[in-house]
Amino acid sequence: MADPADQPGWMLPLLLFAGFRSLIDELHAELARQGHPDVRPAYGFAMQAIGPDGATASEVGRRLGVSKQAAGKTVDRLTELGYAERIPDETDARRKLVRLTPHGLDALARSAAVFEELRTRWAQALGTDRVRALESDLRTVVPAGAFRLDVPGWFGS
């Protein structure tokens, strides 16, 4: 059997993506069981982009790396589903802010709890030290400031 270190270079991003995808798929299956069946991965990024203080649709678009129109459609859907709402901006009457509703905040809080559980499962399967080492190694090779929300725009470009 070949040494795993001898795997072709293209396998690394696929394995990293498959790990990411498995975590996200498990998250959304659990969120659906916990009363959030309509949340999609793109909505999670959008809710993070809206943040606890709210944002304009333009700001959401910039944070996600998508057009204002694309962000507006996502915000419209989040609003329809009860995860976000548009409110007047107290500092500028011409602007509307998008903010998360209690339902949206609940989805984010549940997501955080599910991610904790998923990390615990990985630690049980791989060992706590290996998960910590994996996280440390990724911090070493991932550029500073790489935690960006623009994945939807990045995938689409």
C-alpha atoms as a PDB file:
ATOM      1  CA  MET A   1       0.000   0.000   0.000  1.00  0.00           C
ATOM      2  CA  ALA A   2       1.240   3.482  -0.865  1.00  0.00           C
ATOM      3  CA  ASP A   3       2.346   5.861   1.851  1.00  0.00           C
ATOM      4  CA  PRO A   4      -0.483   8.421   2.412  1.00  0.00           C
ATOM      5  CA  ALA A   5       2.160  11.147   2.200  1.00  0.00           C
ATOM      6  CA  ASP A   6       2.620  10.100  -1.427  1.00  0.00           C
ATOM      7  CA  GLN A   7      -0.934  11.063  -2.384  1.00  0.00           C
ATOM      8  CA  PRO A   8      -1.232  13.441  -5.332  1.00  0.00           C
ATOM      9  CA  GLY A   9      -1.437  17.129  -4.413  1.00  0.00           C
ATOM     10  CA  TRP A  10      -4.982  17.507  -5.728  1.00  0.00           C
ATOM     11  CA  MET A  11      -6.240  15.131  -3.030  1.00  0.00           C
ATOM     12  CA  LEU A  12      -5.504  17.576  -0.193  1.00  0.00           C
ATOM     13  CA  PRO A  13      -8.068  20.231  -1.182  1.00  0.00           C
ATOM     14  CA  LEU A  14     -10.623  17.542  -1.963  1.00  0.00           C
ATOM     15  CA  LEU A  15     -10.156  15.919   1.443  1.00  0.00           C
ATOM     16  CA  LEU A  16     -10.343  19.293   3.203  1.00  0.00           C
ATOM     17  CA  PHE A  17     -13.494  20.156   1.267  1.00  0.00           C
ATOM     18  CA  ALA A  18     -15.017  16.727   1.972  1.00  0.00           C
ATOM     19  CA  GLY A  19     -14.375  17.231   5.698  1.00  0.00           C
ATOM     20  CA  PHE A  20     -15.943  20.691   5.534  1.00  0.00           C
ATOM     21  CA  ARG A  21     -18.877  19.366   3.533  1.00  0.00           C
ATOM     22  CA  SER A  22     -19.504  16.483   5.945  1.00  0.00           C
ATOM     23  CA  LEU A  23     -19.570  18.902   8.901  1.00  0.00           C
ATOM     24  CA  ILE A  24     -21.932  21.293   7.104  1.00  0.00           C
ATOM     25  CA  ASP A  25     -24.238  18.481   5.945  1.00  0.00           C
ATOM     26  CA  GLU A  26     -24.426  17.050   9.473  1.00  0.00           C
ATOM     27  CA  LEU A  27     -25.059  20.540  10.858  1.00  0.00           C
ATOM     28  CA  HIS A  28     -27.989  21.144   8.535  1.00  0.00           C
ATOM     29  CA  ALA A  29     -29.517  17.729   9.166  1.00  0.00           C
ATOM     30  CA  GLU A  30     -29.424  18.454  12.906  1.00  0.00           C
ATOM     31  CA  LEU A  31     -30.748  22.009  12.463  1.00  0.00           C
ATOM     32  CA  ALA A  32     -33.672  20.550  10.515  1.00  0.00           C
ATOM     33  CA  ARG A  33     -34.388  18.156  13.415  1.00  0.00           C
ATOM     34  CA  GLN A  34     -34.226  21.102  15.831  1.00  0.00           C
ATOM     35  CA  GLY A  35     -36.834  23.198  14.002  1.00  0.00           C
ATOM     36  CA  HIS A  36     -34.807  24.928  11.285  1.00  0.00           C
ATOM     37  CA  PRO A  37     -35.492  22.815   8.181  1.00  0.00           C
ATOM     38  CA  ASP A  38     -35.214  25.752   5.770  1.00  0.00           C
ATOM     39  CA  VAL A  39     -31.687  26.878   6.688  1.00  0.00           C
ATOM     40  CA  ARG A  40     -29.216  26.345   3.843  1.00  0.00           C
ATOM     41  CA  PRO A  41     -25.427  26.796   3.950  1.00  0.00           C
ATOM     42  CA  ALA A  42     -25.652  30.082   2.038  1.00  0.00           C
ATOM     43  CA  TYR A  43     -28.142  31.373   4.614  1.00  0.00           C
ATOM     44  CA  GLY A  44     -25.691  30.600   7.409  1.00  0.00           C
ATOM     45  CA  PHE A  45     -23.015  32.691   5.697  1.00  0.00           C
ATOM     46  CA  ALA A  46     -25.571  35.457   5.135  1.00  0.00           C
ATOM     47  CA  MET A  47     -26.684  35.434   8.771  1.00  0.00           C
ATOM     48  CA  GLN A  48     -23.028  35.677   9.820  1.00  0.00           C
ATOM     49  CA  ALA A  49     -22.612  38.591   7.381  1.00  0.00           C
ATOM     50  CA  ILE A  50     -25.639  40.343   8.901  1.00  0.00           C
ATOM     51  CA  GLY A  51     -24.108  39.859  12.319  1.00  0.00           C
ATOM     52  CA  PRO A  52     -25.480  40.778  15.730  1.00  0.00           C
ATOM     53  CA  ASP A  53     -25.644  44.498  14.928  1.00  0.00           C
ATOM     54  CA  GLY A  54     -27.327  44.231  11.532  1.00  0.00           C
ATOM     55  CA  ALA A  55     -26.122  45.486   8.162  1.00  0.00           C
ATOM     56  CA  THR A  56     -27.428  47.001   4.974  1.00  0.00           C
ATOM     57  CA  ALA A  57     -28.010  44.750   1.961  1.00  0.00           C
ATOM     58  CA  SER A  58     -24.973  46.396   0.322  1.00  0.00           C
ATOM     59  CA  GLU A  59     -22.811  45.532   3.333  1.00  0.00           C
ATOM     60  CA  VAL A  60     -24.097  41.968   3.305  1.00  0.00           C
ATOM     61  CA  GLY A  61     -23.234  41.736  -0.399  1.00  0.00           C
ATOM     62  CA  ARG A  62     -19.698  43.046   0.174  1.00  0.00           C
ATOM     63  CA  ARG A  63     -19.130  40.672   3.084  1.00  0.00           C
ATOM     64  CA  LEU A  64     -20.356  37.726   1.010  1.00  0.00           C
ATOM     65  CA  GLY A  65     -18.553  38.787  -2.162  1.00  0.00           C
ATOM     66  CA  VAL A  66     -21.788  38.940  -4.150  1.00  0.00           C
ATOM     67  CA  SER A  67     -23.741  41.742  -5.810  1.00  0.00           C
ATOM     68  CA  LYS A  68     -26.171  43.904  -3.871  1.00  0.00           C
ATOM     69  CA  GLN A  69     -28.948  42.281  -5.900  1.00  0.00           C
ATOM     70  CA  ALA A  70     -27.835  38.739  -5.002  1.00  0.00           C
ATOM     71  CA  ALA A  71     -27.537  39.740  -1.358  1.00  0.00           C
ATOM     72  CA  GLY A  72     -30.977  41.344  -1.548  1.00  0.00           C
ATOM     73  CA  LYS A  73     -32.483  38.088  -2.830  1.00  0.00           C
ATOM     74  CA  THR A  74     -30.882  36.150   0.013  1.00  0.00           C
ATOM     75  CA  VAL A  75     -32.093  38.728   2.540  1.00  0.00           C
ATOM     76  CA  ASP A  76     -35.580  38.542   0.999  1.00  0.00           C
ATOM     77  CA  ARG A  77     -35.573  34.773   1.493  1.00  0.00           C
ATOM     78  CA  LEU A  78     -34.288  35.058   5.070  1.00  0.00           C
ATOM     79  CA  THR A  79     -37.053  37.590   5.727  1.00  0.00           C
ATOM     80  CA  GLU A  80     -39.714  35.308   4.212  1.00  0.00           C
ATOM     81  CA  LEU A  81     -38.491  32.464   6.422  1.00  0.00           C
ATOM     82  CA  GLY A  82     -38.502  34.650   9.550  1.00  0.00           C
ATOM     83  CA  TYR A  83     -34.726  34.674  10.116  1.00  0.00           C
ATOM     84  CA  ALA A  84     -34.186  38.361   9.338  1.00  0.00           C
ATOM     85  CA  GLU A  85     -36.113  41.593   9.076  1.00  0.00           C
ATOM     86  CA  ARG A  86     -35.608  44.969   7.488  1.00  0.00           C
ATOM     87  CA  ILE A  87     -35.852  47.964   9.802  1.00  0.00           C
ATOM     88  CA  PRO A  88     -35.264  51.697   9.363  1.00  0.00           C
ATOM     89  CA  ASP A  89     -31.693  52.801  10.063  1.00  0.00           C
ATOM     90  CA  GLU A  90     -31.861  55.202  13.003  1.00  0.00           C
ATOM     91  CA  THR A  91     -28.772  57.056  11.741  1.00  0.00           C
ATOM     92  CA  ASP A  92     -29.920  57.479   8.113  1.00  0.00           C
ATOM     93  CA  ALA A  93     -33.615  57.528   7.194  1.00  0.00           C
ATOM     94  CA  ARG A  94     -32.751  56.652   3.554  1.00  0.00           C
ATOM     95  CA  ARG A  95     -31.315  53.286   4.536  1.00  0.00           C
ATOM     96  CA  LYS A  96     -32.798  50.043   5.741  1.00  0.00           C
ATOM     97  CA  LEU A  97     -30.901  47.751   8.047  1.00  0.00           C
ATOM     98  CA  VAL A  98     -31.218  44.008   7.961  1.00  0.00           C
ATOM     99  CA  ARG A  99     -31.112  42.416  11.359  1.00  0.00           C
ATOM    100  CA  LEU A 100     -31.598  38.919  12.635  1.00  0.00           C
ATOM    101  CA  THR A 101     -34.853  38.039  14.339  1.00  0.00           C
ATOM    102  CA  PRO A 102     -35.000  35.889  17.460  1.00  0.00           C
ATOM    103  CA  HIS A 103     -35.587  32.943  15.081  1.00  0.00           C
ATOM    104  CA  GLY A 104     -32.374  33.810  13.208  1.00  0.00           C
ATOM    105  CA  LEU A 105     -30.414  34.231  16.426  1.00  0.00           C
ATOM    106  CA  ASP A 106     -31.764  30.875  17.602  1.00  0.00           C
ATOM    107  CA  ALA A 107     -30.521  29.221  14.386  1.00  0.00           C
ATOM    108  CA  LEU A 108     -27.040  30.683  14.918  1.00  0.00           C
ATOM    109  CA  ALA A 109     -26.947  29.640  18.570  1.00  0.00           C
ATOM    110  CA  ARG A 110     -28.057  26.121  17.685  1.00  0.00           C
ATOM    111  CA  SER A 111     -25.447  26.020  14.912  1.00  0.00           C
ATOM    112  CA  ALA A 112     -22.712  26.874  17.398  1.00  0.00           C
ATOM    113  CA  ALA A 113     -23.899  24.120  19.744  1.00  0.00           C
ATOM    114  CA  VAL A 114     -24.076  21.568  16.910  1.00  0.00           C
ATOM    115  CA  PHE A 115     -20.546  22.481  15.784  1.00  0.00           C
ATOM    116  CA  GLU A 116     -19.357  21.831  19.353  1.00  0.00           C
ATOM    117  CA  GLU A 117     -20.984  18.402  19.223  1.00  0.00           C
ATOM    118  CA  LEU A 118     -19.478  17.646  15.806  1.00  0.00           C
ATOM    119  CA  ARG A 119     -16.016  18.627  17.025  1.00  0.00           C
ATOM    120  CA  THR A 120     -16.515  16.338  20.024  1.00  0.00           C
ATOM    121  CA  ARG A 121     -17.430  13.476  17.676  1.00  0.00           C
ATOM    122  CA  TRP A 122     -14.313  14.093  15.581  1.00  0.00           C
ATOM    123  CA  ALA A 123     -12.253  14.096  18.791  1.00  0.00           C
ATOM    124  CA  GLN A 124     -13.816  10.791  19.811  1.00  0.00           C
ATOM    125  CA  ALA A 125     -13.072   9.276  16.392  1.00  0.00           C
ATOM    126  CA  LEU A 126      -9.568  10.697  15.913  1.00  0.00           C
ATOM    127  CA  GLY A 127      -8.465  11.534  19.434  1.00  0.00           C
ATOM    128  CA  THR A 128      -8.511  14.941  21.097  1.00  0.00           C
ATOM    129  CA  ASP A 129      -4.790  15.501  20.550  1.00  0.00           C
ATOM    130  CA  ARG A 130      -5.092  14.799  16.815  1.00  0.00           C
ATOM    131  CA  VAL A 131      -8.012  17.214  16.406  1.00  0.00           C
ATOM    132  CA  ARG A 132      -6.092  19.898  18.319  1.00  0.00           C
ATOM    133  CA  ALA A 133      -3.013  19.198  16.169  1.00  0.00           C
ATOM    134  CA  LEU A 134      -5.115  19.406  12.992  1.00  0.00           C
ATOM    135  CA  GLU A 135      -6.537  22.753  14.076  1.00  0.00           C
ATOM    136  CA  SER A 136      -3.087  24.020  15.022  1.00  0.00           C
ATOM    137  CA  ASP A 137      -1.588  22.838  11.737  1.00  0.00           C
ATOM    138  CA  LEU A 138      -4.348  24.516   9.743  1.00  0.00           C
ATOM    139  CA  ARG A 139      -3.766  27.772  11.658  1.00  0.00           C
ATOM    140  CA  THR A 140      -0.102  27.507  10.668  1.00  0.00           C
ATOM    141  CA  VAL A 141      -0.746  27.128   6.923  1.00  0.00           C
ATOM    142  CA  VAL A 142      -3.885  29.231   6.522  1.00  0.00           C
ATOM    143  CA  PRO A 143      -3.066  32.912   5.902  1.00  0.00           C
ATOM    144  CA  ALA A 144      -3.998  35.438   8.567  1.00  0.00           C
ATOM    145  CA  GLY A 145      -7.406  36.959   7.907  1.00  0.00           C
ATOM    146  CA  ALA A 146      -8.568  33.913   5.945  1.00  0.00           C
ATOM    147  CA  PHE A 147     -11.815  33.635   7.911  1.00  0.00           C
ATOM    148  CA  ARG A 148     -13.916  35.342   5.296  1.00  0.00           C
ATOM    149  CA  LEU A 149     -17.602  35.033   4.590  1.00  0.00           C
ATOM    150  CA  ASP A 150     -17.336  35.508   0.835  1.00  0.00           C
ATOM    151  CA  VAL A 151     -17.488  31.776   0.025  1.00  0.00           C
ATOM    152  CA  PRO A 152     -20.741  32.129  -1.965  1.00  0.00           C
ATOM    153  CA  GLY A 153     -19.199  34.831  -4.138  1.00  0.00           C
ATOM    154  CA  TRP A 154     -15.863  33.026  -4.360  1.00  0.00           C
ATOM    155  CA  PHE A 155     -17.478  29.814  -5.568  1.00  0.00           C
ATOM    156  CA  GLY A 156     -19.552  31.762  -8.076  1.00  0.00           C
ATOM    157  CA  SER A 157     -16.679  33.734  -9.595  1.00  0.00           C
END
